[in-house]
Amino acid sequence: MSLQHTDQEAAAVAKAPRVSLNDIEDAIGGVYYTTGSDALPHASIEYLRPLTLLTICVIVMRNGFTVIGKSAPASVDNFDADLGRKFAYEDAIRQLWPLMGFSLREKLSNGK
């Protein structure tokens, strides 16, 4: 299920403040991509090929917090660089959602 679809479903039933996909994306300072082989240039030659298939997305939030998303196909034949970046980004966003939910809950519990 896409992030947008999940966000739309949650918004449709929300009756109170919630963390939206837009909230998360608005809090992002930068998004950076690399591959495992670029991130680990001194890796053993026998693992170099599999590392080229590992896509890494580093999201830096405006407050300086970082999250790393990743994706890799099970089969070399299924590798697609654009999809790898999409899946790695979504993996990172899914990690941020509960963290921002915790932050919202703190604000709500303190009456802010």
PDB file of N, CA and C in Angstrom:
ATOM      1  N   MET A   1       0.837  -1.167   0.000  1.00  0.00           N
ATOM      2  CA  MET A   1       0.000   0.000   0.000  1.00  0.00           C
ATOM      3  C   MET A   1       0.892   1.245   0.000  1.00  0.00           C
ATOM      4  N   SER A   2       0.546   2.214  -0.817  1.00  0.00           N
ATOM      5  CA  SER A   2       1.369   3.416  -0.917  1.00  0.00           C
ATOM      6  C   SER A   2       1.204   4.292   0.317  1.00  0.00           C
ATOM      7  N   LEU A   3       2.201   5.132   0.542  1.00  0.00           N
ATOM      8  CA  LEU A   3       2.135   6.063   1.661  1.00  0.00           C
ATOM      9  C   LEU A   3       0.938   7.000   1.515  1.00  0.00           C
ATOM     10  N   GLN A   4       0.685   7.446   0.299  1.00  0.00           N
ATOM     11  CA  GLN A   4      -0.420   8.363   0.062  1.00  0.00           C
ATOM     12  C   GLN A   4      -1.758   7.700   0.388  1.00  0.00           C
ATOM     13  N   HIS A   5      -1.920   6.454  -0.003  1.00  0.00           N
ATOM     14  CA  HIS A   5      -3.159   5.722   0.256  1.00  0.00           C
ATOM     15  C   HIS A   5      -3.359   5.535   1.758  1.00  0.00           C
ATOM     16  N   THR A   6      -2.316   5.150   2.452  1.00  0.00           N
ATOM     17  CA  THR A   6      -2.382   4.981   3.907  1.00  0.00           C
ATOM     18  C   THR A   6      -2.761   6.293   4.576  1.00  0.00           C
ATOM     19  N   ASP A   7      -2.148   7.382   4.142  1.00  0.00           N
ATOM     20  CA  ASP A   7      -2.432   8.700   4.713  1.00  0.00           C
ATOM     21  C   ASP A   7      -3.882   9.097   4.452  1.00  0.00           C
ATOM     22  N   GLN A   8      -4.385   8.868   3.258  1.00  0.00           N
ATOM     23  CA  GLN A   8      -5.772   9.201   2.925  1.00  0.00           C
ATOM     24  C   GLN A   8      -6.758   8.405   3.769  1.00  0.00           C
ATOM     25  N   GLU A   9      -6.485   7.128   3.968  1.00  0.00           N
ATOM     26  CA  GLU A   9      -7.374   6.299   4.803  1.00  0.00           C
ATOM     27  C   GLU A   9      -7.409   6.805   6.236  1.00  0.00           C
ATOM     28  N   ALA A  10      -6.249   7.154   6.779  1.00  0.00           N
ATOM     29  CA  ALA A  10      -6.181   7.658   8.149  1.00  0.00           C
ATOM     30  C   ALA A  10      -6.897   8.998   8.271  1.00  0.00           C
ATOM     31  N   ALA A  11      -6.723   9.867   7.284  1.00  0.00           N
ATOM     32  CA  ALA A  11      -7.357  11.184   7.310  1.00  0.00           C
ATOM     33  C   ALA A  11      -8.884  11.068   7.261  1.00  0.00           C
ATOM     34  N   ALA A  12      -9.376  10.070   6.538  1.00  0.00           N
ATOM     35  CA  ALA A  12     -10.822   9.897   6.377  1.00  0.00           C
ATOM     36  C   ALA A  12     -11.536   9.584   7.693  1.00  0.00           C
ATOM     37  N   VAL A  13     -10.833   8.992   8.636  1.00  0.00           N
ATOM     38  CA  VAL A  13     -11.470   8.618   9.907  1.00  0.00           C
ATOM     39  C   VAL A  13     -10.976   9.434  11.089  1.00  0.00           C
ATOM     40  N   ALA A  14     -10.065  10.355  10.856  1.00  0.00           N
ATOM     41  CA  ALA A  14      -9.468  11.138  11.946  1.00  0.00           C
ATOM     42  C   ALA A  14     -10.489  12.089  12.561  1.00  0.00           C
ATOM     43  N   LYS A  15     -10.492  12.122  13.886  1.00  0.00           N
ATOM     44  CA  LYS A  15     -11.359  13.021  14.634  1.00  0.00           C
ATOM     45  C   LYS A  15     -10.545  13.928  15.548  1.00  0.00           C
ATOM     46  N   ALA A  16      -9.242  13.792  15.511  1.00  0.00           N
ATOM     47  CA  ALA A  16      -8.350  14.533  16.398  1.00  0.00           C
ATOM     48  C   ALA A  16      -7.047  14.793  15.650  1.00  0.00           C
ATOM     49  N   PRO A  17      -6.169  15.594  16.236  1.00  0.00           N
ATOM     50  CA  PRO A  17      -4.877  15.841  15.571  1.00  0.00           C
ATOM     51  C   PRO A  17      -4.159  14.531  15.259  1.00  0.00           C
ATOM     52  N   ARG A  18      -3.482  14.525  14.131  1.00  0.00           N
ATOM     53  CA  ARG A  18      -2.732  13.351  13.695  1.00  0.00           C
ATOM     54  C   ARG A  18      -1.531  13.810  12.890  1.00  0.00           C
ATOM     55  N   VAL A  19      -0.593  12.914  12.714  1.00  0.00           N
ATOM     56  CA  VAL A  19       0.577  13.187  11.875  1.00  0.00           C
ATOM     57  C   VAL A  19       0.218  12.767  10.452  1.00  0.00           C
ATOM     58  N   SER A  20       0.303  13.705   9.555  1.00  0.00           N
ATOM     59  CA  SER A  20       0.017  13.406   8.158  1.00  0.00           C
ATOM     60  C   SER A  20       1.319  13.231   7.378  1.00  0.00           C
ATOM     61  N   LEU A  21       1.189  12.681   6.204  1.00  0.00           N
ATOM     62  CA  LEU A  21       2.345  12.545   5.316  1.00  0.00           C
ATOM     63  C   LEU A  21       2.919  13.925   5.008  1.00  0.00           C
ATOM     64  N   ASN A  22       2.055  14.911   4.825  1.00  0.00           N
ATOM     65  CA  ASN A  22       2.539  16.280   4.577  1.00  0.00           C
ATOM     66  C   ASN A  22       3.322  16.815   5.764  1.00  0.00           C
ATOM     67  N   ASP A  23       2.879  16.512   6.997  1.00  0.00           N
ATOM     68  CA  ASP A  23       3.618  16.943   8.189  1.00  0.00           C
ATOM     69  C   ASP A  23       5.041  16.388   8.164  1.00  0.00           C
ATOM     70  N   ILE A  24       5.145  15.124   7.819  1.00  0.00           N
ATOM     71  CA  ILE A  24       6.454  14.476   7.780  1.00  0.00           C
ATOM     72  C   ILE A  24       7.322  15.113   6.700  1.00  0.00           C
ATOM     73  N   GLU A  25       6.756  15.235   5.505  1.00  0.00           N
ATOM     74  CA  GLU A  25       7.540  15.768   4.394  1.00  0.00           C
ATOM     75  C   GLU A  25       7.917  17.234   4.619  1.00  0.00           C
ATOM     76  N   ASP A  26       7.057  17.989   5.317  1.00  0.00           N
ATOM     77  CA  ASP A  26       7.392  19.379   5.627  1.00  0.00           C
ATOM     78  C   ASP A  26       8.541  19.495   6.631  1.00  0.00           C
ATOM     79  N   ALA A  27       8.747  18.453   7.425  1.00  0.00           N
ATOM     80  CA  ALA A  27       9.809  18.468   8.440  1.00  0.00           C
ATOM     81  C   ALA A  27      11.148  17.971   7.908  1.00  0.00           C
ATOM     82  N   ILE A  28      11.177  17.566   6.641  1.00  0.00           N
ATOM     83  CA  ILE A  28      12.404  17.043   6.033  1.00  0.00           C
ATOM     84  C   ILE A  28      13.289  18.195   5.564  1.00  0.00           C
ATOM     85  N   GLY A  29      14.550  18.116   5.936  1.00  0.00           N
ATOM     86  CA  GLY A  29      15.529  19.105   5.485  1.00  0.00           C
ATOM     87  C   GLY A  29      16.195  18.692   4.186  1.00  0.00           C
ATOM     88  N   GLY A  30      16.479  17.393   4.037  1.00  0.00           N
ATOM     89  CA  GLY A  30      17.150  16.906   2.833  1.00  0.00           C
ATOM     90  C   GLY A  30      16.984  15.412   2.673  1.00  0.00           C
ATOM     91  N   VAL A  31      17.016  14.965   1.427  1.00  0.00           N
ATOM     92  CA  VAL A  31      16.908  13.543   1.086  1.00  0.00           C
ATOM     93  C   VAL A  31      18.091  13.205   0.186  1.00  0.00           C
ATOM     94  N   TYR A  32      18.828  12.166   0.568  1.00  0.00           N
ATOM     95  CA  TYR A  32      20.031  11.777  -0.156  1.00  0.00           C
ATOM     96  C   TYR A  32      20.000  10.282  -0.451  1.00  0.00           C
ATOM     97  N   TYR A  33      20.470   9.918  -1.632  1.00  0.00           N
ATOM     98  CA  TYR A  33      20.485   8.519  -2.049  1.00  0.00           C
ATOM     99  C   TYR A  33      21.904   8.073  -2.359  1.00  0.00           C
ATOM    100  N   THR A  34      22.147   6.822  -2.099  1.00  0.00           N
ATOM    101  CA  THR A  34      23.404   6.206  -2.487  1.00  0.00           C
ATOM    102  C   THR A  34      23.141   4.713  -2.674  1.00  0.00           C
ATOM    103  N   THR A  35      24.158   4.007  -3.075  1.00  0.00           N
ATOM    104  CA  THR A  35      24.064   2.554  -3.163  1.00  0.00           C
ATOM    105  C   THR A  35      25.019   1.961  -2.130  1.00  0.00           C
ATOM    106  N   GLY A  36      24.820   0.703  -1.852  1.00  0.00           N
ATOM    107  CA  GLY A  36      25.709   0.041  -0.911  1.00  0.00           C
ATOM    108  C   GLY A  36      27.150   0.047  -1.388  1.00  0.00           C
ATOM    109  N   SER A  37      27.359  -0.104  -2.681  1.00  0.00           N
ATOM    110  CA  SER A  37      28.730  -0.129  -3.198  1.00  0.00           C
ATOM    111  C   SER A  37      29.388   1.243  -3.095  1.00  0.00           C
ATOM    112  N   ASP A  38      28.618   2.316  -3.264  1.00  0.00           N
ATOM    113  CA  ASP A  38      29.182   3.663  -3.112  1.00  0.00           C
ATOM    114  C   ASP A  38      29.438   3.983  -1.641  1.00  0.00           C
ATOM    115  N   ALA A  39      28.556   3.495  -0.764  1.00  0.00           N
ATOM    116  CA  ALA A  39      28.702   3.770   0.668  1.00  0.00           C
ATOM    117  C   ALA A  39      29.836   2.953   1.291  1.00  0.00           C
ATOM    118  N   LEU A  40      30.124   1.808   0.698  1.00  0.00           N
ATOM    119  CA  LEU A  40      31.147   0.899   1.244  1.00  0.00           C
ATOM    120  C   LEU A  40      32.184   0.584   0.164  1.00  0.00           C
ATOM    121  N   PRO A  41      32.955   1.568  -0.252  1.00  0.00           N
ATOM    122  CA  PRO A  41      33.878   1.357  -1.379  1.00  0.00           C
ATOM    123  C   PRO A  41      34.986   0.340  -1.109  1.00  0.00           C
ATOM    124  N   HIS A  42      35.232   0.027   0.144  1.00  0.00           N
ATOM    125  CA  HIS A  42      36.303  -0.918   0.463  1.00  0.00           C
ATOM    126  C   HIS A  42      35.778  -2.319   0.744  1.00  0.00           C
ATOM    127  N   ALA A  43      34.521  -2.561   0.358  1.00  0.00           N
ATOM    128  CA  ALA A  43      33.938  -3.886   0.576  1.00  0.00           C
ATOM    129  C   ALA A  43      34.664  -4.937  -0.263  1.00  0.00           C
ATOM    130  N   SER A  44      34.622  -6.142   0.214  1.00  0.00           N
ATOM    131  CA  SER A  44      35.247  -7.256  -0.491  1.00  0.00           C
ATOM    132  C   SER A  44      34.685  -7.363  -1.910  1.00  0.00           C
ATOM    133  N   ILE A  45      35.524  -7.649  -2.861  1.00  0.00           N
ATOM    134  CA  ILE A  45      35.130  -7.746  -4.268  1.00  0.00           C
ATOM    135  C   ILE A  45      33.996  -8.753  -4.468  1.00  0.00           C
ATOM    136  N   GLU A  46      33.955  -9.791  -3.651  1.00  0.00           N
ATOM    137  CA  GLU A  46      32.903 -10.806  -3.816  1.00  0.00           C
ATOM    138  C   GLU A  46      31.522 -10.263  -3.459  1.00  0.00           C
ATOM    139  N   TYR A  47      31.463  -9.174  -2.680  1.00  0.00           N
ATOM    140  CA  TYR A  47      30.173  -8.600  -2.292  1.00  0.00           C
ATOM    141  C   TYR A  47      29.857  -7.306  -3.031  1.00  0.00           C
ATOM    142  N   LEU A  48      30.733  -6.906  -3.933  1.00  0.00           N
ATOM    143  CA  LEU A  48      30.540  -5.650  -4.645  1.00  0.00           C
ATOM    144  C   LEU A  48      29.261  -5.667  -5.488  1.00  0.00           C
ATOM    145  N   ARG A  49      29.018  -6.717  -6.221  1.00  0.00           N
ATOM    146  CA  ARG A  49      27.811  -6.789  -7.071  1.00  0.00           C
ATOM    147  C   ARG A  49      26.537  -6.695  -6.231  1.00  0.00           C
ATOM    148  N   PRO A  50      26.370  -7.493  -5.178  1.00  0.00           N
ATOM    149  CA  PRO A  50      25.145  -7.355  -4.377  1.00  0.00           C
ATOM    150  C   PRO A  50      24.986  -5.954  -3.775  1.00  0.00           C
ATOM    151  N   LEU A  51      26.094  -5.313  -3.424  1.00  0.00           N
ATOM    152  CA  LEU A  51      26.008  -3.974  -2.845  1.00  0.00           C
ATOM    153  C   LEU A  51      25.552  -2.928  -3.855  1.00  0.00           C
ATOM    154  N   THR A  52      25.761  -3.178  -5.152  1.00  0.00           N
ATOM    155  CA  THR A  52      25.275  -2.237  -6.164  1.00  0.00           C
ATOM    156  C   THR A  52      23.751  -2.265  -6.239  1.00  0.00           C
ATOM    157  N   LEU A  53      23.138  -3.333  -5.745  1.00  0.00           N
ATOM    158  CA  LEU A  53      21.685  -3.482  -5.782  1.00  0.00           C
ATOM    159  C   LEU A  53      20.997  -2.928  -4.531  1.00  0.00           C
ATOM    160  N   LEU A  54      21.781  -2.581  -3.532  1.00  0.00           N
ATOM    161  CA  LEU A  54      21.241  -2.021  -2.288  1.00  0.00           C
ATOM    162  C   LEU A  54      21.113  -0.511  -2.448  1.00  0.00           C
ATOM    163  N   THR A  55      19.888  -0.016  -2.339  1.00  0.00           N
ATOM    164  CA  THR A  55      19.638   1.422  -2.417  1.00  0.00           C
ATOM    165  C   THR A  55      19.435   1.946  -1.003  1.00  0.00           C
ATOM    166  N   ILE A  56      20.110   3.032  -0.698  1.00  0.00           N
ATOM    167  CA  ILE A  56      20.044   3.641   0.630  1.00  0.00           C
ATOM    168  C   ILE A  56      19.519   5.064   0.485  1.00  0.00           C
ATOM    169  N   CYS A  57      18.536   5.395   1.312  1.00  0.00           N
ATOM    170  CA  CYS A  57      17.975   6.744   1.350  1.00  0.00           C
ATOM    171  C   CYS A  57      18.237   7.309   2.743  1.00  0.00           C
ATOM    172  N   VAL A  58      18.933   8.423   2.799  1.00  0.00           N
ATOM    173  CA  VAL A  58      19.186   9.097   4.066  1.00  0.00           C
ATOM    174  C   VAL A  58      18.319  10.343   4.094  1.00  0.00           C
ATOM    175  N   ILE A  59      17.440  10.411   5.094  1.00  0.00           N
ATOM    176  CA  ILE A  59      16.615  11.601   5.277  1.00  0.00           C
ATOM    177  C   ILE A  59      17.134  12.347   6.491  1.00  0.00           C
ATOM    178  N   VAL A  60      17.414  13.624   6.272  1.00  0.00           N
ATOM    179  CA  VAL A  60      17.845  14.497   7.359  1.00  0.00           C
ATOM    180  C   VAL A  60      16.684  15.442   7.644  1.00  0.00           C
ATOM    181  N   MET A  61      16.198  15.371   8.868  1.00  0.00           N
ATOM    182  CA  MET A  61      15.098  16.238   9.265  1.00  0.00           C
ATOM    183  C   MET A  61      15.635  17.640   9.538  1.00  0.00           C
ATOM    184  N   ARG A  62      14.757  18.617   9.514  1.00  0.00           N
ATOM    185  CA  ARG A  62      15.184  20.003   9.767  1.00  0.00           C
ATOM    186  C   ARG A  62      15.834  20.164  11.135  1.00  0.00           C
ATOM    187  N   ASN A  63      15.430  19.308  12.089  1.00  0.00           N
ATOM    188  CA  ASN A  63      16.024  19.406  13.431  1.00  0.00           C
ATOM    189  C   ASN A  63      17.349  18.654  13.532  1.00  0.00           C
ATOM    190  N   GLY A  64      17.810  18.060  12.429  1.00  0.00           N
ATOM    191  CA  GLY A  64      19.084  17.364  12.412  1.00  0.00           C
ATOM    192  C   GLY A  64      19.001  15.862  12.621  1.00  0.00           C
ATOM    193  N   PHE A  65      17.836  15.338  12.996  1.00  0.00           N
ATOM    194  CA  PHE A  65      17.679  13.894  13.174  1.00  0.00           C
ATOM    195  C   PHE A  65      17.773  13.213  11.817  1.00  0.00           C
ATOM    196  N   THR A  66      18.382  12.026  11.775  1.00  0.00           N
ATOM    197  CA  THR A  66      18.519  11.296  10.521  1.00  0.00           C
ATOM    198  C   THR A  66      17.869   9.925  10.606  1.00  0.00           C
ATOM    199  N   VAL A  67      17.369   9.492   9.474  1.00  0.00           N
ATOM    200  CA  VAL A  67      16.778   8.163   9.328  1.00  0.00           C
ATOM    201  C   VAL A  67      17.310   7.575   8.033  1.00  0.00           C
ATOM    202  N   ILE A  68      17.546   6.279   8.045  1.00  0.00           N
ATOM    203  CA  ILE A  68      18.052   5.594   6.855  1.00  0.00           C
ATOM    204  C   ILE A  68      17.043   4.558   6.401  1.00  0.00           C
ATOM    205  N   GLY A  69      16.618   4.684   5.160  1.00  0.00           N
ATOM    206  CA  GLY A  69      15.747   3.693   4.536  1.00  0.00           C
ATOM    207  C   GLY A  69      16.565   2.887   3.551  1.00  0.00           C
ATOM    208  N   LYS A  70      16.117   1.683   3.283  1.00  0.00           N
ATOM    209  CA  LYS A  70      16.879   0.839   2.355  1.00  0.00           C
ATOM    210  C   LYS A  70      15.938  -0.051   1.567  1.00  0.00           C
ATOM    211  N   SER A  71      16.435  -0.505   0.423  1.00  0.00           N
ATOM    212  CA  SER A  71      15.710  -1.484  -0.386  1.00  0.00           C
ATOM    213  C   SER A  71      16.713  -2.272  -1.214  1.00  0.00           C
ATOM    214  N   ALA A  72      16.365  -3.489  -1.476  1.00  0.00           N
ATOM    215  CA  ALA A  72      17.195  -4.350  -2.324  1.00  0.00           C
ATOM    216  C   ALA A  72      16.313  -5.472  -2.862  1.00  0.00           C
ATOM    217  N   PRO A  73      16.442  -5.794  -4.134  1.00  0.00           N
ATOM    218  CA  PRO A  73      15.637  -6.875  -4.683  1.00  0.00           C
ATOM    219  C   PRO A  73      16.198  -8.244  -4.287  1.00  0.00           C
ATOM    220  N   ALA A  74      15.325  -9.212  -4.237  1.00  0.00           N
ATOM    221  CA  ALA A  74      15.772 -10.582  -3.968  1.00  0.00           C
ATOM    222  C   ALA A  74      16.491 -11.149  -5.184  1.00  0.00           C
ATOM    223  N   SER A  75      16.091 -10.710  -6.364  1.00  0.00           N
ATOM    224  CA  SER A  75      16.698 -11.182  -7.602  1.00  0.00           C
ATOM    225  C   SER A  75      17.347 -10.020  -8.342  1.00  0.00           C
ATOM    226  N   VAL A  76      18.542 -10.236  -8.834  1.00  0.00           N
ATOM    227  CA  VAL A  76      19.260  -9.232  -9.619  1.00  0.00           C
ATOM    228  C   VAL A  76      18.412  -8.776 -10.806  1.00  0.00           C
ATOM    229  N   ASP A  77      17.673  -9.691 -11.399  1.00  0.00           N
ATOM    230  CA  ASP A  77      16.863  -9.380 -12.575  1.00  0.00           C
ATOM    231  C   ASP A  77      15.748  -8.390 -12.269  1.00  0.00           C
ATOM    232  N   ASN A  78      15.382  -8.247 -11.003  1.00  0.00           N
ATOM    233  CA  ASN A  78      14.309  -7.328 -10.635  1.00  0.00           C
ATOM    234  C   ASN A  78      14.802  -5.939 -10.243  1.00  0.00           C
ATOM    235  N   PHE A  79      16.098  -5.706 -10.292  1.00  0.00           N
ATOM    236  CA  PHE A  79      16.609  -4.408  -9.861  1.00  0.00           C
ATOM    237  C   PHE A  79      16.164  -3.303 -10.810  1.00  0.00           C
ATOM    238  N   ASP A  80      15.649  -2.240 -10.224  1.00  0.00           N
ATOM    239  CA  ASP A  80      15.280  -1.030 -10.947  1.00  0.00           C
ATOM    240  C   ASP A  80      15.681   0.138 -10.046  1.00  0.00           C
ATOM    241  N   ALA A  81      16.599   0.969 -10.500  1.00  0.00           N
ATOM    242  CA  ALA A  81      17.146   2.040  -9.662  1.00  0.00           C
ATOM    243  C   ALA A  81      16.065   3.000  -9.177  1.00  0.00           C
ATOM    244  N   ASP A  82      15.130   3.368 -10.061  1.00  0.00           N
ATOM    245  CA  ASP A  82      14.068   4.299  -9.658  1.00  0.00           C
ATOM    246  C   ASP A  82      13.169   3.688  -8.592  1.00  0.00           C
ATOM    247  N   LEU A  83      12.790   2.438  -8.775  1.00  0.00           N
ATOM    248  CA  LEU A  83      11.974   1.764  -7.758  1.00  0.00           C
ATOM    249  C   LEU A  83      12.750   1.593  -6.464  1.00  0.00           C
ATOM    250  N   GLY A  84      14.028   1.318  -6.570  1.00  0.00           N
ATOM    251  CA  GLY A  84      14.865   1.189  -5.380  1.00  0.00           C
ATOM    252  C   GLY A  84      14.850   2.462  -4.554  1.00  0.00           C
ATOM    253  N   ARG A  85      14.965   3.608  -5.229  1.00  0.00           N
ATOM    254  CA  ARG A  85      14.917   4.890  -4.514  1.00  0.00           C
ATOM    255  C   ARG A  85      13.536   5.114  -3.895  1.00  0.00           C
ATOM    256  N   LYS A  86      12.489   4.784  -4.641  1.00  0.00           N
ATOM    257  CA  LYS A  86      11.122   4.944  -4.120  1.00  0.00           C
ATOM    258  C   LYS A  86      10.919   4.092  -2.871  1.00  0.00           C
ATOM    259  N   PHE A  87      11.295   2.828  -2.935  1.00  0.00           N
ATOM    260  CA  PHE A  87      11.093   1.918  -1.802  1.00  0.00           C
ATOM    261  C   PHE A  87      11.955   2.307  -0.604  1.00  0.00           C
ATOM    262  N   ALA A  88      13.185   2.750  -0.859  1.00  0.00           N
ATOM    263  CA  ALA A  88      14.063   3.173   0.237  1.00  0.00           C
ATOM    264  C   ALA A  88      13.505   4.422   0.913  1.00  0.00           C
ATOM    265  N   TYR A  89      12.979   5.351   0.126  1.00  0.00           N
ATOM    266  CA  TYR A  89      12.358   6.564   0.670  1.00  0.00           C
ATOM    267  C   TYR A  89      11.153   6.190   1.540  1.00  0.00           C
ATOM    268  N   GLU A  90      10.292   5.327   1.018  1.00  0.00           N
ATOM    269  CA  GLU A  90       9.107   4.906   1.774  1.00  0.00           C
ATOM    270  C   GLU A  90       9.501   4.195   3.063  1.00  0.00           C
ATOM    271  N   ASP A  91      10.566   3.417   3.019  1.00  0.00           N
ATOM    272  CA  ASP A  91      11.050   2.736   4.222  1.00  0.00           C
ATOM    273  C   ASP A  91      11.455   3.762   5.283  1.00  0.00           C
ATOM    274  N   ALA A  92      12.130   4.811   4.865  1.00  0.00           N
ATOM    275  CA  ALA A  92      12.549   5.853   5.802  1.00  0.00           C
ATOM    276  C   ALA A  92      11.343   6.612   6.352  1.00  0.00           C
ATOM    277  N   ILE A  93      10.394   6.946   5.500  1.00  0.00           N
ATOM    278  CA  ILE A  93       9.192   7.669   5.946  1.00  0.00           C
ATOM    279  C   ILE A  93       8.418   6.835   6.955  1.00  0.00           C
ATOM    280  N   ARG A  94       8.312   5.543   6.715  1.00  0.00           N
ATOM    281  CA  ARG A  94       7.583   4.669   7.650  1.00  0.00           C
ATOM    282  C   ARG A  94       8.262   4.622   9.020  1.00  0.00           C
ATOM    283  N   GLN A  95       9.553   4.858   9.073  1.00  0.00           N
ATOM    284  CA  GLN A  95      10.254   4.934  10.359  1.00  0.00           C
ATOM    285  C   GLN A  95       9.961   6.259  11.056  1.00  0.00           C
ATOM    286  N   LEU A  96       9.790   7.314  10.288  1.00  0.00           N
ATOM    287  CA  LEU A  96       9.545   8.635  10.865  1.00  0.00           C
ATOM    288  C   LEU A  96       8.138   8.779  11.436  1.00  0.00           C
ATOM    289  N   TRP A  97       7.171   8.096  10.851  1.00  0.00           N
ATOM    290  CA  TRP A  97       5.774   8.270  11.238  1.00  0.00           C
ATOM    291  C   TRP A  97       5.551   8.036  12.733  1.00  0.00           C
ATOM    292  N   PRO A  98       5.987   6.912  13.292  1.00  0.00           N
ATOM    293  CA  PRO A  98       5.765   6.721  14.733  1.00  0.00           C
ATOM    294  C   PRO A  98       6.570   7.687  15.597  1.00  0.00           C
ATOM    295  N   LEU A  99       7.724   8.109  15.131  1.00  0.00           N
ATOM    296  CA  LEU A  99       8.517   9.076  15.899  1.00  0.00           C
ATOM    297  C   LEU A  99       7.795  10.417  15.981  1.00  0.00           C
ATOM    298  N   MET A 100       7.238  10.837  14.875  1.00  0.00           N
ATOM    299  CA  MET A 100       6.502  12.092  14.885  1.00  0.00           C
ATOM    300  C   MET A 100       5.174  11.933  15.631  1.00  0.00           C
ATOM    301  N   GLY A 101       4.602  10.731  15.598  1.00  0.00           N
ATOM    302  CA  GLY A 101       3.411  10.465  16.392  1.00  0.00           C
ATOM    303  C   GLY A 101       3.702  10.580  17.876  1.00  0.00           C
ATOM    304  N   PHE A 102       4.854  10.095  18.295  1.00  0.00           N
ATOM    305  CA  PHE A 102       5.264  10.218  19.695  1.00  0.00           C
ATOM    306  C   PHE A 102       5.395  11.687  20.066  1.00  0.00           C
ATOM    307  N   SER A 103       5.998  12.465  19.197  1.00  0.00           N
ATOM    308  CA  SER A 103       6.178  13.891  19.457  1.00  0.00           C
ATOM    309  C   SER A 103       4.820  14.594  19.578  1.00  0.00           C
ATOM    310  N   LEU A 104       3.889  14.264  18.690  1.00  0.00           N
ATOM    311  CA  LEU A 104       2.551  14.845  18.763  1.00  0.00           C
ATOM    312  C   LEU A 104       1.862  14.442  20.062  1.00  0.00           C
ATOM    313  N   ARG A 105       2.010  13.187  20.448  1.00  0.00           N
ATOM    314  CA  ARG A 105       1.389  12.713  21.687  1.00  0.00           C
ATOM    315  C   ARG A 105       1.944  13.463  22.894  1.00  0.00           C
ATOM    316  N   GLU A 106       3.243  13.733  22.884  1.00  0.00           N
ATOM    317  CA  GLU A 106       3.860  14.521  23.971  1.00  0.00           C
ATOM    318  C   GLU A 106       3.222  15.900  24.034  1.00  0.00           C
ATOM    319  N   LYS A 107       3.063  16.534  22.898  1.00  0.00           N
ATOM    320  CA  LYS A 107       2.459  17.867  22.869  1.00  0.00           C
ATOM    321  C   LYS A 107       1.020  17.817  23.380  1.00  0.00           C
ATOM    322  N   LEU A 108       0.268  16.821  22.926  1.00  0.00           N
ATOM    323  CA  LEU A 108      -1.132  16.699  23.358  1.00  0.00           C
ATOM    324  C   LEU A 108      -1.234  16.429  24.864  1.00  0.00           C
ATOM    325  N   SER A 109      -0.338  15.615  25.391  1.00  0.00           N
ATOM    326  CA  SER A 109      -0.405  15.284  26.809  1.00  0.00           C
ATOM    327  C   SER A 109       0.005  16.448  27.689  1.00  0.00           C
ATOM    328  N   ASN A 110       0.762  17.378  27.128  1.00  0.00           N
ATOM    329  CA  ASN A 110       1.173  18.567  27.869  1.00  0.00           C
ATOM    330  C   ASN A 110       0.234  19.743  27.623  1.00  0.00           C
ATOM    331  N   GLY A 111      -0.844  19.483  26.896  1.00  0.00           N
ATOM    332  CA  GLY A 111      -1.828  20.533  26.648  1.00  0.00           C
ATOM    333  C   GLY A 111      -1.385  21.595  25.683  1.00  0.00           C
ATOM    334  N   LYS A 112      -0.446  21.284  24.831  1.00  0.00           N
ATOM    335  CA  LYS A 112       0.047  22.273  23.845  1.00  0.00           C
ATOM    336  C   LYS A 112      -0.629  22.110  22.524  1.00  0.00           C
TER     337      LYS A 112
END
